[in-house]
């Protein structure tokens, strides 16, 4: 039974990765620390994926994100985020479209 749950978890993770790729094509994501920080300040961020190297940044911004209702996910590590978007050393990604966020959040349930 645990193996089935792990396979489902891995499958859901891949579906989220595919949604992020689609969101990138639709220009519904911002990538990188500076761009994500600007989108948080503007109030257009709806979901953040942070790698392990972004712990200090997320500690500083966690209260801002909570107060604005932005969900922070550590679903992917740094190398997985880099592979999803085809960029080197990508550790922080923000989804700025509410519909993509709604679709991605369905996989978290």
N, C-alpha and C. Protein backbone atom coordinates (compact mmCIF):
# COMPACT_ATOMS: atom_id res chain seq x y z
N UNK A 1 0.82 -1.19 0.00
CA UNK A 1 0.00 0.00 0.00
C UNK A 1 0.86 1.26 0.00
N UNK A 2 1.97 1.27 0.74
CA UNK A 2 2.82 2.45 0.78
C UNK A 2 3.45 2.72 -0.57
N UNK A 3 3.80 1.67 -1.32
CA UNK A 3 4.38 1.87 -2.64
C UNK A 3 3.41 2.58 -3.56
N UNK A 4 2.15 2.21 -3.50
CA UNK A 4 1.13 2.84 -4.33
C UNK A 4 1.02 4.33 -3.99
N UNK A 5 1.05 4.64 -2.71
CA UNK A 5 0.96 6.04 -2.28
C UNK A 5 2.17 6.81 -2.79
N UNK A 6 3.35 6.21 -2.72
CA UNK A 6 4.55 6.88 -3.22
C UNK A 6 4.48 7.11 -4.72
N UNK A 7 3.96 6.11 -5.46
CA UNK A 7 3.84 6.28 -6.90
C UNK A 7 2.85 7.39 -7.23
N UNK A 8 1.75 7.45 -6.50
CA UNK A 8 0.78 8.52 -6.72
C UNK A 8 1.41 9.86 -6.39
N UNK A 9 2.19 9.91 -5.34
CA UNK A 9 2.85 11.14 -4.95
C UNK A 9 3.82 11.59 -6.05
N UNK A 10 4.58 10.66 -6.58
CA UNK A 10 5.52 10.97 -7.65
C UNK A 10 4.78 11.41 -8.91
N UNK A 11 3.67 10.75 -9.18
CA UNK A 11 2.85 11.10 -10.35
C UNK A 11 2.27 12.51 -10.19
N UNK A 12 1.78 12.82 -9.02
CA UNK A 12 1.23 14.16 -8.77
C UNK A 12 2.32 15.22 -8.88
N UNK A 13 3.50 14.89 -8.40
CA UNK A 13 4.62 15.82 -8.48
C UNK A 13 4.97 16.11 -9.93
N UNK A 14 4.93 15.11 -10.77
CA UNK A 14 5.21 15.29 -12.20
C UNK A 14 4.11 16.12 -12.86
N UNK A 15 2.87 15.94 -12.43
CA UNK A 15 1.78 16.74 -12.97
C UNK A 15 1.93 18.21 -12.59
N UNK A 16 2.37 18.46 -11.37
CA UNK A 16 2.62 19.84 -10.94
C UNK A 16 3.75 20.43 -11.78
N UNK A 17 4.79 19.65 -12.03
CA UNK A 17 5.91 20.12 -12.86
C UNK A 17 5.41 20.46 -14.26
N UNK A 18 4.54 19.64 -14.82
CA UNK A 18 3.98 19.92 -16.14
C UNK A 18 3.13 21.18 -16.14
N UNK A 19 2.38 21.40 -15.05
CA UNK A 19 1.59 22.63 -14.93
C UNK A 19 2.51 23.85 -14.89
N UNK A 20 3.63 23.72 -14.19
CA UNK A 20 4.57 24.83 -14.12
C UNK A 20 5.20 25.12 -15.49
N UNK A 21 5.49 24.07 -16.24
CA UNK A 21 6.02 24.27 -17.60
C UNK A 21 5.00 24.99 -18.48
N UNK A 22 3.76 24.58 -18.35
CA UNK A 22 2.69 25.22 -19.12
C UNK A 22 2.51 26.69 -18.69
N UNK A 23 2.60 26.93 -17.39
CA UNK A 23 2.49 28.30 -16.88
C UNK A 23 3.63 29.17 -17.40
N UNK A 24 4.79 28.58 -17.54
CA UNK A 24 5.93 29.35 -18.07
C UNK A 24 5.66 29.76 -19.52
N UNK A 25 5.12 28.84 -20.30
CA UNK A 25 4.80 29.17 -21.69
C UNK A 25 3.74 30.26 -21.77
N UNK A 26 2.84 30.28 -20.80
CA UNK A 26 1.78 31.29 -20.76
C UNK A 26 2.24 32.58 -20.08
N UNK A 27 3.52 32.63 -19.71
CA UNK A 27 4.09 33.79 -19.01
C UNK A 27 3.36 34.09 -17.72
N UNK A 28 3.03 33.01 -16.99
CA UNK A 28 2.30 33.15 -15.73
C UNK A 28 3.19 32.83 -14.54
N UNK A 29 4.52 32.82 -14.75
CA UNK A 29 5.46 32.60 -13.65
C UNK A 29 6.56 33.65 -13.74
N UNK A 30 7.13 33.96 -12.58
CA UNK A 30 8.33 34.77 -12.52
C UNK A 30 9.40 33.93 -11.84
N UNK A 31 10.63 34.07 -12.31
CA UNK A 31 11.71 33.22 -11.82
C UNK A 31 12.85 34.07 -11.29
N UNK A 32 13.42 33.62 -10.18
CA UNK A 32 14.55 34.32 -9.58
C UNK A 32 14.14 35.15 -8.39
N UNK A 33 15.09 35.38 -7.52
CA UNK A 33 14.81 36.05 -6.24
C UNK A 33 14.30 37.48 -6.43
N UNK A 34 14.95 38.24 -7.28
CA UNK A 34 14.57 39.65 -7.45
C UNK A 34 13.19 39.77 -8.07
N UNK A 35 12.92 38.98 -9.10
CA UNK A 35 11.62 39.03 -9.76
C UNK A 35 10.50 38.59 -8.83
N UNK A 36 10.76 37.56 -8.04
CA UNK A 36 9.74 37.08 -7.09
C UNK A 36 9.49 38.13 -6.01
N UNK A 37 10.55 38.75 -5.53
CA UNK A 37 10.39 39.79 -4.51
C UNK A 37 9.56 40.96 -5.04
N UNK A 38 9.81 41.36 -6.28
CA UNK A 38 9.02 42.45 -6.89
C UNK A 38 7.56 42.05 -7.05
N UNK A 39 7.32 40.79 -7.43
CA UNK A 39 5.93 40.36 -7.62
C UNK A 39 5.19 40.27 -6.29
N UNK A 40 5.90 39.93 -5.22
CA UNK A 40 5.27 39.92 -3.89
C UNK A 40 4.88 41.34 -3.49
N UNK A 41 5.79 42.29 -3.72
CA UNK A 41 5.51 43.68 -3.37
C UNK A 41 4.34 44.24 -4.19
N UNK A 42 4.26 43.86 -5.47
CA UNK A 42 3.17 44.32 -6.33
C UNK A 42 1.84 43.67 -5.97
N UNK A 43 1.90 42.50 -5.30
CA UNK A 43 0.68 41.80 -4.90
C UNK A 43 0.12 40.90 -5.98
N UNK A 44 0.95 40.49 -6.95
CA UNK A 44 0.44 39.64 -8.02
C UNK A 44 0.81 38.16 -7.83
N UNK A 45 1.61 37.86 -6.84
CA UNK A 45 2.02 36.48 -6.59
C UNK A 45 0.90 35.72 -5.89
N UNK A 46 0.66 34.48 -6.36
CA UNK A 46 -0.38 33.66 -5.74
C UNK A 46 0.19 32.37 -5.14
N UNK A 47 1.36 31.94 -5.61
CA UNK A 47 1.97 30.69 -5.14
C UNK A 47 3.47 30.77 -5.37
N UNK A 48 4.25 30.30 -4.39
CA UNK A 48 5.71 30.33 -4.50
C UNK A 48 6.26 28.92 -4.33
N UNK A 49 7.19 28.55 -5.22
CA UNK A 49 7.96 27.32 -5.07
C UNK A 49 9.38 27.73 -4.72
N UNK A 50 9.84 27.30 -3.55
CA UNK A 50 11.17 27.68 -3.08
C UNK A 50 12.02 26.44 -2.89
N UNK A 51 13.25 26.51 -3.39
CA UNK A 51 14.21 25.44 -3.18
C UNK A 51 14.83 25.55 -1.80
N UNK A 52 15.70 24.63 -1.48
CA UNK A 52 16.30 24.61 -0.14
C UNK A 52 17.25 25.77 0.10
N UNK A 53 17.85 26.31 -0.94
CA UNK A 53 18.81 27.40 -0.77
C UNK A 53 18.13 28.72 -0.47
N UNK A 54 16.84 28.78 -0.55
CA UNK A 54 16.10 30.03 -0.33
C UNK A 54 15.50 30.12 1.08
N UNK A 55 16.03 29.38 2.02
CA UNK A 55 15.48 29.42 3.38
C UNK A 55 15.59 30.80 4.01
N UNK A 56 16.73 31.48 3.85
CA UNK A 56 16.90 32.81 4.45
C UNK A 56 15.92 33.81 3.85
N UNK A 57 15.78 33.78 2.53
CA UNK A 57 14.84 34.69 1.87
C UNK A 57 13.42 34.43 2.35
N UNK A 58 13.04 33.16 2.44
CA UNK A 58 11.68 32.82 2.82
C UNK A 58 11.40 33.15 4.29
N UNK A 59 12.41 33.07 5.14
CA UNK A 59 12.20 33.47 6.54
C UNK A 59 11.85 34.95 6.63
N UNK A 60 12.54 35.74 5.81
CA UNK A 60 12.30 37.18 5.82
C UNK A 60 10.95 37.53 5.24
N UNK A 61 10.50 36.78 4.23
CA UNK A 61 9.27 37.10 3.51
C UNK A 61 8.07 36.27 3.96
N UNK A 62 8.26 35.34 4.86
CA UNK A 62 7.17 34.44 5.26
C UNK A 62 5.96 35.20 5.81
N UNK A 63 6.20 36.17 6.66
CA UNK A 63 5.08 36.93 7.23
C UNK A 63 4.33 37.73 6.17
N UNK A 64 5.08 38.30 5.22
CA UNK A 64 4.43 39.01 4.11
C UNK A 64 3.54 38.07 3.32
N UNK A 65 4.08 36.89 3.04
CA UNK A 65 3.34 35.91 2.24
C UNK A 65 2.10 35.42 2.97
N UNK A 66 2.23 35.15 4.25
CA UNK A 66 1.08 34.68 5.04
C UNK A 66 0.00 35.75 5.10
N UNK A 67 0.39 36.99 5.32
CA UNK A 67 -0.60 38.05 5.43
C UNK A 67 -1.32 38.31 4.09
N UNK A 68 -0.63 38.03 2.97
CA UNK A 68 -1.24 38.23 1.66
C UNK A 68 -1.90 36.97 1.12
N UNK A 69 -1.83 35.88 1.87
CA UNK A 69 -2.47 34.64 1.44
C UNK A 69 -1.72 33.88 0.37
N UNK A 70 -0.41 34.06 0.33
CA UNK A 70 0.43 33.38 -0.67
C UNK A 70 0.93 32.07 -0.07
N UNK A 71 0.69 31.00 -0.77
CA UNK A 71 1.13 29.68 -0.32
C UNK A 71 2.58 29.46 -0.75
N UNK A 72 3.39 28.93 0.17
CA UNK A 72 4.80 28.65 -0.10
C UNK A 72 4.98 27.14 -0.11
N UNK A 73 5.56 26.62 -1.19
CA UNK A 73 5.74 25.19 -1.33
C UNK A 73 7.22 24.86 -1.47
N UNK A 74 7.63 23.80 -0.79
CA UNK A 74 8.99 23.26 -0.92
C UNK A 74 8.92 21.88 -1.56
N UNK A 75 8.01 21.72 -2.50
CA UNK A 75 7.79 20.44 -3.17
C UNK A 75 9.01 20.00 -3.98
N UNK A 76 9.68 20.95 -4.61
CA UNK A 76 10.84 20.64 -5.45
C UNK A 76 12.11 21.17 -4.79
N UNK A 77 13.21 20.43 -4.99
CA UNK A 77 14.49 20.95 -4.53
C UNK A 77 15.09 21.83 -5.62
N UNK A 78 16.28 22.36 -5.37
CA UNK A 78 16.89 23.32 -6.30
C UNK A 78 17.13 22.72 -7.68
N UNK A 79 17.66 21.51 -7.72
CA UNK A 79 17.98 20.91 -9.02
C UNK A 79 16.72 20.56 -9.80
N UNK A 80 15.66 20.17 -9.10
CA UNK A 80 14.40 19.86 -9.79
C UNK A 80 13.78 21.12 -10.39
N UNK A 81 13.82 22.23 -9.66
CA UNK A 81 13.30 23.49 -10.20
C UNK A 81 14.11 23.92 -11.42
N UNK A 82 15.42 23.75 -11.35
CA UNK A 82 16.28 24.09 -12.48
C UNK A 82 15.96 23.24 -13.70
N UNK A 83 15.73 21.96 -13.47
CA UNK A 83 15.41 21.06 -14.58
C UNK A 83 14.04 21.35 -15.19
N UNK A 84 13.07 21.70 -14.38
CA UNK A 84 11.73 21.99 -14.88
C UNK A 84 11.76 23.16 -15.86
N UNK A 85 12.53 24.19 -15.53
CA UNK A 85 12.54 25.40 -16.35
C UNK A 85 13.74 25.50 -17.27
N UNK A 86 14.66 24.54 -17.20
CA UNK A 86 15.80 24.54 -18.10
C UNK A 86 16.79 25.66 -17.83
N UNK A 87 16.90 26.06 -16.59
CA UNK A 87 17.85 27.12 -16.21
C UNK A 87 18.76 26.60 -15.12
N UNK A 88 19.95 27.14 -15.06
CA UNK A 88 20.89 26.74 -14.03
C UNK A 88 20.64 27.54 -12.76
N UNK A 89 20.78 26.88 -11.63
CA UNK A 89 20.71 27.49 -10.31
C UNK A 89 19.43 28.28 -10.06
N UNK A 90 18.32 27.75 -10.48
CA UNK A 90 17.03 28.38 -10.22
C UNK A 90 16.49 27.83 -8.91
N UNK A 91 16.24 28.71 -7.95
CA UNK A 91 15.80 28.24 -6.64
C UNK A 91 14.49 28.86 -6.17
N UNK A 92 13.95 29.81 -6.92
CA UNK A 92 12.74 30.48 -6.48
C UNK A 92 11.86 30.80 -7.69
N UNK A 93 10.60 30.35 -7.62
CA UNK A 93 9.65 30.55 -8.71
C UNK A 93 8.31 30.97 -8.11
N UNK A 94 7.68 31.97 -8.70
CA UNK A 94 6.37 32.41 -8.24
C UNK A 94 5.36 32.30 -9.38
N UNK A 95 4.20 31.76 -9.06
CA UNK A 95 3.10 31.70 -10.02
C UNK A 95 2.27 32.96 -9.81
N UNK A 96 1.97 33.67 -10.91
CA UNK A 96 1.26 34.94 -10.79
C UNK A 96 -0.15 34.88 -11.38
N UNK A 97 -0.57 33.73 -11.84
CA UNK A 97 -1.90 33.57 -12.41
C UNK A 97 -2.78 32.76 -11.46
N UNK A 98 -3.94 33.27 -11.13
CA UNK A 98 -4.82 32.60 -10.17
C UNK A 98 -5.35 31.27 -10.68
N UNK A 99 -5.59 31.16 -11.97
CA UNK A 99 -6.11 29.91 -12.52
C UNK A 99 -5.07 28.79 -12.48
N UNK A 100 -3.81 29.11 -12.78
CA UNK A 100 -2.77 28.09 -12.66
C UNK A 100 -2.58 27.69 -11.20
N UNK A 101 -2.66 28.66 -10.31
CA UNK A 101 -2.54 28.34 -8.88
C UNK A 101 -3.68 27.44 -8.43
N UNK A 102 -4.86 27.70 -8.91
CA UNK A 102 -6.02 26.86 -8.57
C UNK A 102 -5.81 25.43 -9.06
N UNK A 103 -5.30 25.27 -10.29
CA UNK A 103 -5.03 23.95 -10.85
C UNK A 103 -3.93 23.21 -10.10
N UNK A 104 -2.89 23.93 -9.71
CA UNK A 104 -1.77 23.31 -8.98
C UNK A 104 -2.21 22.93 -7.58
N UNK A 105 -3.01 23.77 -6.93
CA UNK A 105 -3.46 23.47 -5.58
C UNK A 105 -4.33 22.23 -5.49
N UNK A 106 -4.98 21.86 -6.58
CA UNK A 106 -5.78 20.63 -6.58
C UNK A 106 -4.91 19.39 -6.37
N UNK A 107 -3.65 19.45 -6.81
CA UNK A 107 -2.75 18.31 -6.63
C UNK A 107 -2.22 18.21 -5.20
N UNK A 108 -2.29 19.29 -4.45
CA UNK A 108 -1.82 19.28 -3.07
C UNK A 108 -2.82 18.65 -2.11
N UNK A 109 -4.04 18.45 -2.55
CA UNK A 109 -5.08 17.88 -1.67
C UNK A 109 -4.96 16.39 -1.58
